[in-house]
Amino acid sequence: MNDKLFQYPAAREGDVVENYHGTAVPDPYRWLEDSKRPETIAWVTAQNALTQNIMAELPVHQQFKERLTSLWNFPKSSVPRRKGAHYFVQKNDGLQNQSVLYQQSRLDAPLKQVLDPNALSQDGTIALTSQSYSKDGRFLAYSLSQSGSDWQTIHIRNLESGQDSGEVLHWVKFTAATWLPDGSGFFYARFPSPDEMPDAPPSTHQQIYFHTVGTAQSKDSLVFARPDAPNLGFHPQVTEDGRYLTLHVWDGTDRRNRFYYRSLQDSGEFIYLLDKMDANYQFLGNDGSLFYFQTDFEAANGRIISIDLNNPNPANWQTIIPEQSDAIAFSLMVNDQFVLGRLHHGQHKLHHYAIDGSLTGEIELPVAGTIFDLEGERSHTELFIQFQSFTHHIRKLKDFWLFRNSWGQGEICRKFTRIFPVFA
């Protein structure tokens, strides 16, 4: 291999120096964090060219490429999501760069294409990163990311006409839209643009805005901000009954979080219901002013609790489903029940409970394995499970199970089997 291939592109050293608690910390390559800067693009292009030249001379490069291509070439699908009168699912025929979004009126009905991200760029690097549907299924707010960037743009599609509205929302990442019940608009989190806060460090001062469909982003109204805590991030969610706007408040990678809420019936202030960062609290749903959470507060393996907004002192919290020896891996509310996935001796087990916490049954999986995704809503009788077995040493089974009504028996609504000859 020619030594000249290892002549790496020069990286200019800048003069950026940050002061952290009195200590000067140089950051000479800060300019590389700007992925749209022409200098950064040129540097990345040169690095990629160097890598490709080196790889092309490796004798096993083509063998690895062919082998990996054959292993990746099998159909893939997300779990279906039901919104309004339709189901939505993402599918990949095997080697597509990006999965395509489809809708169907029934699970056995033909698929109708909604959005193909592969058609949005020549190199296939624009990804569909999130989807949020209005309650009646008329509108889709979807996020696009380019070349693996965390930064996204939010677009709005009328699913009846198949056309996008004209506006595009920028300076967005780590968020999803959450719609008002009437579909007139949605809440989302965004960061200030460099022009708005030129001196702010990157990815700080996230704020909650409300966007009305069909209007420019400049018309969006500021709903909430914490200028006194610029490192906090916010995930907004409108409760299923449409009464409250809730905020899951996070700080970096800390597993603990805060939780705020505000009534949507008036323009009152946000209530800091959980603001001590003392545990993890995952909001599951509510019955009026009674909020349900999965939490590890005073329960390392997790429990389900209720908090009455009219009497929120921790001494008044009620344990609905107590901690057990198996840790809760995930939970949600479906069919007016709690569905809990626990980790039992390395495999997932699924149980469902009534609202009062009484056990109503187990959703038996076919063999030992892992649940990768669950999808369902409290007002729906359907629960979709993406399940993968790890008990078959030469096969990878990824099935999509559908449970209806009593959930006593499940049916496979989609099944994909891929054979992996591990000793070939």
Protein backbone atom coordinates (compact mmCIF):
# COMPACT_ATOMS: atom_id res chain seq x y z
CA MET A 1 0.00 0.00 0.00
CA ASN A 2 1.37 3.37 -1.02
CA ASP A 3 2.52 5.52 1.89
CA LYS A 4 1.09 8.62 0.27
CA LEU A 5 -2.41 7.32 1.01
CA PHE A 6 -1.75 8.11 4.64
CA GLN A 7 -1.23 11.80 4.04
CA TYR A 8 -4.22 12.95 6.04
CA PRO A 9 -5.99 16.21 5.21
CA ALA A 10 -4.71 19.11 7.28
CA ALA A 11 -7.04 20.33 10.01
CA ARG A 12 -6.63 23.99 10.86
CA GLU A 13 -6.26 24.83 14.53
CA GLY A 14 -8.51 27.65 15.64
CA ASP A 15 -8.10 29.97 18.61
CA VAL A 16 -11.28 29.04 20.57
CA VAL A 17 -10.64 28.79 24.33
CA GLU A 18 -13.40 28.08 26.86
CA ASN A 19 -13.13 29.03 30.53
CA TYR A 20 -14.52 26.28 32.78
CA HIS A 21 -14.52 27.28 36.44
CA GLY A 22 -11.34 29.28 36.02
CA THR A 23 -9.56 26.72 33.83
CA ALA A 24 -8.80 27.64 30.22
CA VAL A 25 -9.64 24.73 27.91
CA PRO A 26 -8.58 25.15 24.25
CA ASP A 27 -10.96 23.81 21.60
CA PRO A 28 -8.98 24.33 18.38
CA TYR A 29 -11.26 22.20 16.21
CA ARG A 30 -14.57 23.82 17.18
CA TRP A 31 -15.05 24.87 13.57
CA LEU A 32 -15.50 21.21 12.60
CA GLU A 33 -18.74 21.10 14.60
CA ASP A 34 -20.39 23.24 11.94
CA SER A 35 -21.30 20.55 9.39
CA LYS A 36 -22.55 23.11 6.85
CA ARG A 37 -19.38 25.21 6.85
CA PRO A 38 -17.65 24.94 3.43
CA GLU A 39 -14.31 24.33 5.16
CA THR A 40 -15.81 21.44 7.15
CA ILE A 41 -17.43 19.93 4.05
CA ALA A 42 -14.11 20.06 2.18
CA TRP A 43 -12.26 18.43 5.10
CA VAL A 44 -14.84 15.61 5.43
CA THR A 45 -14.79 15.02 1.66
CA ALA A 46 -10.99 14.67 1.73
CA GLN A 47 -11.14 12.28 4.71
CA ASN A 48 -13.71 10.11 2.93
CA ALA A 49 -11.60 10.01 -0.23
CA LEU A 50 -8.59 8.88 1.81
CA THR A 51 -10.62 6.13 3.50
CA GLN A 52 -12.07 4.85 0.22
CA ASN A 53 -8.64 4.72 -1.42
CA ILE A 54 -7.25 2.67 1.46
CA MET A 55 -10.25 0.31 1.55
CA ALA A 56 -10.15 -0.26 -2.20
CA GLU A 57 -6.66 -1.79 -1.94
CA LEU A 58 -7.59 -4.25 0.82
CA PRO A 59 -8.00 -7.75 -0.70
CA VAL A 60 -10.92 -8.67 1.57
CA HIS A 61 -12.81 -5.42 1.10
CA GLN A 62 -15.06 -6.72 -1.68
CA GLN A 63 -15.63 -9.99 0.18
CA PHE A 64 -16.78 -8.17 3.28
CA LYS A 65 -18.99 -5.90 1.20
CA GLU A 66 -20.71 -8.79 -0.55
CA ARG A 67 -21.16 -10.75 2.67
CA LEU A 68 -22.62 -7.82 4.61
CA THR A 69 -24.88 -6.93 1.71
CA SER A 70 -26.33 -10.44 1.65
CA LEU A 71 -26.91 -10.39 5.43
CA TRP A 72 -28.64 -7.02 5.36
CA ASN A 73 -30.81 -7.87 2.36
CA PHE A 74 -34.07 -8.93 4.01
CA PRO A 75 -37.44 -7.15 4.50
CA LYS A 76 -37.79 -4.89 7.53
CA SER A 77 -40.82 -3.23 9.05
CA SER A 78 -41.81 -1.13 12.01
CA VAL A 79 -44.76 -1.96 14.22
CA PRO A 80 -48.01 -0.49 12.88
CA ARG A 81 -49.38 2.66 14.48
CA ARG A 82 -53.09 3.37 14.43
CA LYS A 83 -54.12 7.03 14.04
CA GLY A 84 -57.64 8.05 13.13
CA ALA A 85 -59.03 5.63 10.55
CA HIS A 86 -55.65 4.39 9.32
CA TYR A 87 -52.63 2.34 10.28
CA PHE A 88 -49.15 3.65 9.52
CA VAL A 89 -46.06 1.52 9.07
CA GLN A 90 -42.49 1.93 7.80
CA LYS A 91 -41.12 -0.76 5.51
CA ASN A 92 -37.79 -1.44 3.85
CA ASP A 93 -37.42 -4.01 1.05
CA GLY A 94 -33.95 -4.94 2.28
CA LEU A 95 -31.33 -2.62 0.83
CA GLN A 96 -33.09 0.73 0.70
CA ASN A 97 -31.13 3.48 2.41
CA GLN A 98 -34.26 4.65 4.21
CA SER A 99 -37.52 2.97 5.15
CA VAL A 100 -40.67 4.14 3.34
CA LEU A 101 -43.76 5.31 5.24
CA TYR A 102 -47.09 3.76 4.24
CA GLN A 103 -50.69 3.89 5.39
CA GLN A 104 -53.52 1.37 5.11
CA SER A 105 -57.18 1.36 6.10
CA ARG A 106 -56.95 -2.16 7.57
CA LEU A 107 -54.04 -4.39 8.45
CA ASP A 108 -54.88 -6.63 5.49
CA ALA A 109 -55.53 -3.72 3.10
CA PRO A 110 -53.12 -2.60 0.36
CA LEU A 111 -50.36 -0.23 1.39
CA LYS A 112 -50.53 3.37 0.18
CA GLN A 113 -47.24 5.26 0.11
CA VAL A 114 -47.16 8.39 2.27
CA LEU A 115 -43.51 9.42 2.13
CA ASP A 116 -40.36 7.98 0.57
CA PRO A 117 -37.24 9.63 2.06
CA ASN A 118 -35.08 7.92 -0.59
CA ALA A 119 -36.53 10.30 -3.17
CA LEU A 120 -35.47 13.38 -1.21
CA SER A 121 -31.74 13.16 -2.00
CA GLN A 122 -29.49 11.48 -4.54
CA ASP A 123 -27.29 9.79 -1.93
CA GLY A 124 -30.15 8.58 0.29
CA THR A 125 -28.86 10.30 3.43
CA ILE A 126 -32.04 12.22 4.29
CA ALA A 127 -33.78 10.23 7.02
CA LEU A 128 -37.33 10.34 8.36
CA THR A 129 -36.57 10.63 12.07
CA SER A 130 -39.97 11.12 13.71
CA GLN A 131 -43.67 11.24 12.92
CA SER A 132 -46.46 12.82 14.91
CA TYR A 133 -50.07 12.45 13.77
CA SER A 134 -53.02 14.65 14.62
CA LYS A 135 -55.67 12.86 16.66
CA ASP A 136 -58.00 12.44 13.69
CA GLY A 137 -55.18 11.29 11.42
CA ARG A 138 -55.56 14.22 9.00
CA PHE A 139 -52.13 15.75 9.51
CA LEU A 140 -48.62 14.40 9.90
CA ALA A 141 -45.80 16.46 11.36
CA TYR A 142 -42.61 14.71 10.33
CA SER A 143 -38.93 15.44 10.93
CA LEU A 144 -36.11 15.04 8.44
CA SER A 145 -32.42 14.75 9.22
CA GLN A 146 -29.59 14.98 6.71
CA SER A 147 -26.38 12.93 6.74
CA GLY A 148 -26.92 11.63 10.26
CA SER A 149 -27.16 15.06 11.87
CA ASP A 150 -29.07 15.54 15.13
CA TRP A 151 -30.50 18.72 13.63
CA GLN A 152 -33.89 18.24 12.03
CA THR A 153 -36.48 20.17 10.09
CA ILE A 154 -40.19 19.69 10.77
CA HIS A 155 -42.59 19.48 7.83
CA ILE A 156 -46.39 19.14 7.79
CA ARG A 157 -48.30 16.90 5.39
CA ASN A 158 -52.03 16.84 4.80
CA LEU A 159 -52.67 13.11 4.58
CA GLU A 160 -55.95 13.59 2.75
CA SER A 161 -54.41 15.57 -0.11
CA GLY A 162 -50.90 14.13 0.16
CA GLN A 163 -49.45 17.65 0.00
CA ASP A 164 -47.14 19.46 2.38
CA SER A 165 -47.99 22.87 3.76
CA GLY A 166 -45.44 25.49 2.82
CA GLU A 167 -43.76 26.13 6.16
CA VAL A 168 -40.60 24.39 7.42
CA LEU A 169 -39.53 24.57 11.08
CA HIS A 170 -35.80 24.88 11.79
CA TRP A 171 -33.40 24.71 14.77
CA VAL A 172 -35.02 21.53 15.99
CA LYS A 173 -33.57 18.38 17.55
CA PHE A 174 -34.39 15.95 20.37
CA THR A 175 -38.13 16.63 20.07
CA ALA A 176 -41.37 15.54 18.48
CA ALA A 177 -44.55 17.48 17.78
CA THR A 178 -47.61 16.99 19.98
CA TRP A 179 -50.93 18.10 18.52
CA LEU A 180 -53.91 19.93 19.96
CA PRO A 181 -57.01 17.70 19.83
CA ASP A 182 -58.57 19.79 17.04
CA GLY A 183 -55.50 19.46 14.78
CA SER A 184 -55.07 23.22 14.42
CA GLY A 185 -51.44 23.12 15.51
CA PHE A 186 -48.87 21.52 17.75
CA PHE A 187 -46.28 22.13 20.45
CA TYR A 188 -42.62 21.41 19.83
CA ALA A 189 -39.19 22.19 21.28
CA ARG A 190 -36.55 24.19 19.43
CA PHE A 191 -33.24 25.86 20.09
CA PRO A 192 -32.53 29.54 19.41
CA SER A 193 -30.87 30.34 16.12
CA PRO A 194 -27.35 31.82 16.23
CA ASP A 195 -28.87 35.20 15.36
CA GLU A 196 -31.23 35.02 18.32
CA MET A 197 -28.57 34.07 20.90
CA PRO A 198 -25.13 34.56 19.32
CA ASP A 199 -23.29 34.10 22.63
CA ALA A 200 -25.13 30.98 23.78
CA PRO A 201 -23.21 27.68 23.76
CA PRO A 202 -24.48 25.15 21.20
CA SER A 203 -27.56 23.11 22.09
CA THR A 204 -28.59 25.18 25.10
CA HIS A 205 -31.67 27.24 25.94
CA GLN A 206 -34.18 24.84 24.41
CA GLN A 207 -37.69 26.33 24.45
CA ILE A 208 -41.27 25.19 23.84
CA TYR A 209 -43.20 26.83 21.00
CA PHE A 210 -46.66 26.44 19.51
CA HIS A 211 -47.05 26.28 15.75
CA THR A 212 -50.30 26.87 13.87
CA VAL A 213 -50.63 24.87 10.66
CA GLY A 214 -50.22 27.01 7.57
CA THR A 215 -48.25 29.82 9.20
CA ALA A 216 -44.56 30.75 9.10
CA GLN A 217 -42.27 29.67 11.94
CA SER A 218 -41.65 33.34 12.72
CA LYS A 219 -45.30 33.50 13.87
CA ASP A 220 -44.87 30.68 16.41
CA SER A 221 -45.60 31.66 19.99
CA LEU A 222 -43.22 30.98 22.86
CA VAL A 223 -44.90 28.76 25.43
CA PHE A 224 -42.17 27.96 27.95
CA ALA A 225 -38.48 28.57 28.63
CA ARG A 226 -36.03 28.21 31.51
CA PRO A 227 -33.36 30.89 30.89
CA ASP A 228 -32.13 30.25 34.43
CA ALA A 229 -31.36 26.59 33.51
CA PRO A 230 -30.06 26.67 29.90
CA ASN A 231 -28.96 23.01 29.86
CA LEU A 232 -32.46 21.63 30.41
CA GLY A 233 -34.30 19.98 27.53
CA PHE A 234 -38.04 19.48 27.13
CA HIS A 235 -40.24 16.82 25.56
CA PRO A 236 -43.81 18.13 25.25
CA GLN A 237 -46.86 15.86 25.29
CA VAL A 238 -50.56 16.67 25.20
CA THR A 239 -52.52 14.24 27.36
CA GLU A 240 -54.88 11.91 25.53
CA ASP A 241 -57.92 13.68 27.00
CA GLY A 242 -56.61 16.99 25.64
CA ARG A 243 -56.72 18.71 29.02
CA TYR A 244 -53.04 19.19 29.79
CA LEU A 245 -49.71 19.99 28.18
CA THR A 246 -46.98 18.05 29.98
CA LEU A 247 -43.21 18.46 29.80
CA HIS A 248 -40.71 15.68 30.37
CA VAL A 249 -37.69 17.70 31.46
CA TRP A 250 -34.23 16.20 30.97
CA ASP A 251 -30.67 17.27 31.63
CA GLY A 252 -28.11 15.69 29.32
CA THR A 253 -27.79 11.93 29.78
CA ASP A 254 -28.93 11.90 33.41
CA ARG A 255 -31.54 9.14 33.77
CA ARG A 256 -33.37 11.26 36.34
CA ASN A 257 -35.80 13.87 35.10
CA ARG A 258 -38.28 16.54 36.08
CA PHE A 259 -41.95 16.84 35.11
CA TYR A 260 -44.02 19.97 34.55
CA TYR A 261 -47.58 20.48 33.36
CA ARG A 262 -50.06 23.19 32.43
CA SER A 263 -53.79 23.16 31.84
CA LEU A 264 -54.82 23.72 28.23
CA GLN A 265 -58.14 25.14 29.36
CA ASP A 266 -56.49 28.45 30.23
CA SER A 267 -53.18 30.27 29.81
CA GLY A 268 -51.94 29.68 33.33
CA GLU A 269 -48.36 29.05 34.39
CA PHE A 270 -46.65 25.67 34.31
CA ILE A 271 -46.75 23.71 37.54
CA TYR A 272 -43.41 22.14 38.52
CA LEU A 273 -44.91 18.89 39.76
CA LEU A 274 -41.61 16.97 40.00
CA ASP A 275 -38.61 19.28 40.13
CA LYS A 276 -36.03 17.64 42.40
CA MET A 277 -34.25 15.42 39.82
CA ASP A 278 -34.39 12.64 42.40
CA ALA A 279 -35.58 9.78 40.17
CA ASN A 280 -36.86 8.79 36.76
CA TYR A 281 -40.53 9.55 36.08
CA GLN A 282 -42.21 8.35 32.87
CA PHE A 283 -45.69 9.77 32.35
CA LEU A 284 -48.14 7.05 31.24
CA GLY A 285 -51.52 8.77 31.18
CA ASN A 286 -54.17 10.33 33.34
CA ASP A 287 -57.74 10.20 34.58
CA GLY A 288 -58.54 13.87 34.88
CA SER A 289 -56.25 15.29 37.54
CA LEU A 290 -54.93 11.85 38.53
CA PHE A 291 -51.59 11.28 36.76
CA TYR A 292 -49.93 7.87 36.35
CA PHE A 293 -46.15 7.38 36.25
CA GLN A 294 -43.59 4.62 35.99
CA THR A 295 -40.85 5.56 38.44
CA ASP A 296 -37.86 4.19 40.28
CA PHE A 297 -38.36 6.61 43.18
CA GLU A 298 -37.78 4.48 46.28
CA ALA A 299 -38.06 1.43 44.00
CA ALA A 300 -34.91 0.47 42.12
CA ASN A 301 -36.79 -2.10 39.99
CA GLY A 302 -39.59 0.33 39.22
CA ARG A 303 -43.22 0.71 40.21
CA ILE A 304 -46.38 2.39 38.91
CA ILE A 305 -47.72 5.28 40.99
CA SER A 306 -50.51 7.83 40.80
CA ILE A 307 -50.24 11.49 41.78
CA ASP A 308 -53.32 13.59 42.41
CA LEU A 309 -52.60 17.08 41.06
CA ASN A 310 -54.88 18.50 43.75
CA ASN A 311 -52.88 16.81 46.50
CA PRO A 312 -49.38 16.25 45.06
CA ASN A 313 -47.30 15.93 48.21
CA PRO A 314 -45.18 12.72 47.98
CA ALA A 315 -46.79 11.49 51.19
CA ASN A 316 -50.04 11.28 49.24
CA TRP A 317 -48.73 9.36 46.24
CA GLN A 318 -50.41 6.03 45.71
CA THR A 319 -48.61 2.87 44.58
CA ILE A 320 -50.72 1.20 41.89
CA ILE A 321 -48.34 -1.63 40.95
CA PRO A 322 -45.61 -2.22 43.53
CA GLU A 323 -41.96 -3.01 42.88
CA GLN A 324 -41.15 -6.65 42.17
CA SER A 325 -37.98 -8.72 41.91
CA ASP A 326 -37.99 -8.32 38.11
CA ALA A 327 -37.19 -4.79 36.93
CA ILE A 328 -39.68 -2.91 34.76
CA ALA A 329 -38.14 -2.40 31.33
CA PHE A 330 -41.04 -0.44 29.79
CA SER A 331 -44.71 0.31 30.32
CA LEU A 332 -47.67 1.93 28.60
CA MET A 333 -51.45 2.20 28.83
CA VAL A 334 -53.53 0.27 26.28
CA ASN A 335 -57.18 -0.79 26.31
CA ASP A 336 -57.67 1.01 29.65
CA GLN A 337 -55.01 -1.18 31.23
CA PHE A 338 -51.37 -0.94 32.19
CA VAL A 339 -49.05 -3.11 30.09
CA LEU A 340 -45.69 -3.79 31.76
CA GLY A 341 -42.63 -5.44 30.30
CA ARG A 342 -40.22 -6.84 32.86
CA LEU A 343 -36.81 -8.39 32.48
CA HIS A 344 -36.90 -11.92 33.84
CA HIS A 345 -33.67 -13.95 33.70
CA GLY A 346 -32.54 -12.13 30.57
CA GLN A 347 -35.85 -12.30 28.68
CA HIS A 348 -38.86 -10.03 28.53
CA LYS A 349 -42.16 -10.94 30.15
CA LEU A 350 -45.39 -9.04 29.47
CA HIS A 351 -48.27 -8.62 31.92
CA HIS A 352 -51.35 -6.42 31.95
CA TYR A 353 -53.06 -4.86 34.95
CA ALA A 354 -56.35 -3.12 35.64
CA ILE A 355 -56.33 0.57 36.52
CA ASP A 356 -56.52 -0.34 40.20
CA GLY A 357 -53.29 -2.35 39.85
CA SER A 358 -54.77 -5.84 40.00
CA LEU A 359 -53.11 -8.35 37.68
CA THR A 360 -55.42 -9.30 34.80
CA GLY A 361 -53.13 -11.62 32.88
CA GLU A 362 -49.90 -12.38 31.07
CA ILE A 363 -49.35 -11.86 27.35
CA GLU A 364 -47.44 -15.01 26.55
CA LEU A 365 -44.69 -14.75 23.96
CA PRO A 366 -43.96 -17.80 21.78
CA VAL A 367 -40.40 -18.37 23.01
CA ALA A 368 -37.76 -16.61 25.07
CA GLY A 369 -36.75 -13.34 23.48
CA THR A 370 -36.62 -9.56 23.47
CA ILE A 371 -39.35 -7.02 22.81
CA PHE A 372 -37.99 -4.19 20.69
CA ASP A 373 -41.11 -2.08 20.39
CA LEU A 374 -44.66 -1.83 21.68
CA GLU A 375 -47.40 0.27 20.13
CA GLY A 376 -50.89 0.94 21.39
CA GLU A 377 -53.07 3.62 22.94
CA ARG A 378 -55.30 3.67 25.96
CA SER A 379 -58.46 4.09 23.88
CA HIS A 380 -57.53 1.25 21.51
CA THR A 381 -57.99 -2.49 21.95
CA GLU A 382 -54.96 -3.36 19.82
CA LEU A 383 -51.43 -3.90 21.07
CA PHE A 384 -48.61 -4.39 18.55
CA ILE A 385 -45.39 -6.08 19.64
CA GLN A 386 -42.09 -6.26 17.78
CA PHE A 387 -40.49 -9.40 19.13
CA GLN A 388 -37.22 -11.18 18.40
CA SER A 389 -36.25 -14.64 19.56
CA PHE A 390 -32.73 -15.40 20.70
CA THR A 391 -33.23 -19.08 21.43
CA HIS A 392 -32.64 -20.20 17.84
CA HIS A 393 -28.89 -20.08 17.29
CA ILE A 394 -29.02 -20.09 13.48
CA ARG A 395 -32.14 -18.02 12.95
CA LYS A 396 -33.22 -14.52 13.71
CA LEU A 397 -37.00 -14.35 14.09
CA LYS A 398 -38.53 -10.90 14.21
CA ASP A 399 -42.31 -11.13 14.41
CA PHE A 400 -44.97 -8.46 14.73
CA TRP A 401 -47.71 -9.70 17.00
CA LEU A 402 -51.19 -8.23 17.30
CA PHE A 403 -53.27 -8.68 20.44
CA ARG A 404 -56.92 -7.64 20.46
CA ASN A 405 -59.56 -7.24 23.15
CA SER A 406 -58.94 -9.89 25.85
CA TRP A 407 -55.33 -10.37 24.73
CA GLY A 408 -55.58 -14.02 25.59
CA GLN A 409 -54.31 -15.10 22.20
CA GLY A 410 -52.10 -13.23 19.77
CA GLU A 411 -51.89 -13.44 16.03
CA ILE A 412 -48.90 -12.71 13.83
CA CYS A 413 -49.83 -9.77 11.65
CA ARG A 414 -46.43 -9.65 9.94
CA LYS A 415 -43.59 -12.12 10.10
CA PHE A 416 -40.08 -11.92 8.72
CA THR A 417 -37.61 -14.77 9.00
CA ARG A 418 -33.96 -14.37 8.13
CA ILE A 419 -31.59 -17.33 8.05
CA PHE A 420 -28.07 -16.68 9.31
CA PRO A 421 -25.63 -19.55 8.59
CA VAL A 422 -23.28 -18.56 11.38
CA PHE A 423 -20.68 -21.21 10.56
CA ALA A 424 -20.54 -20.55 6.81
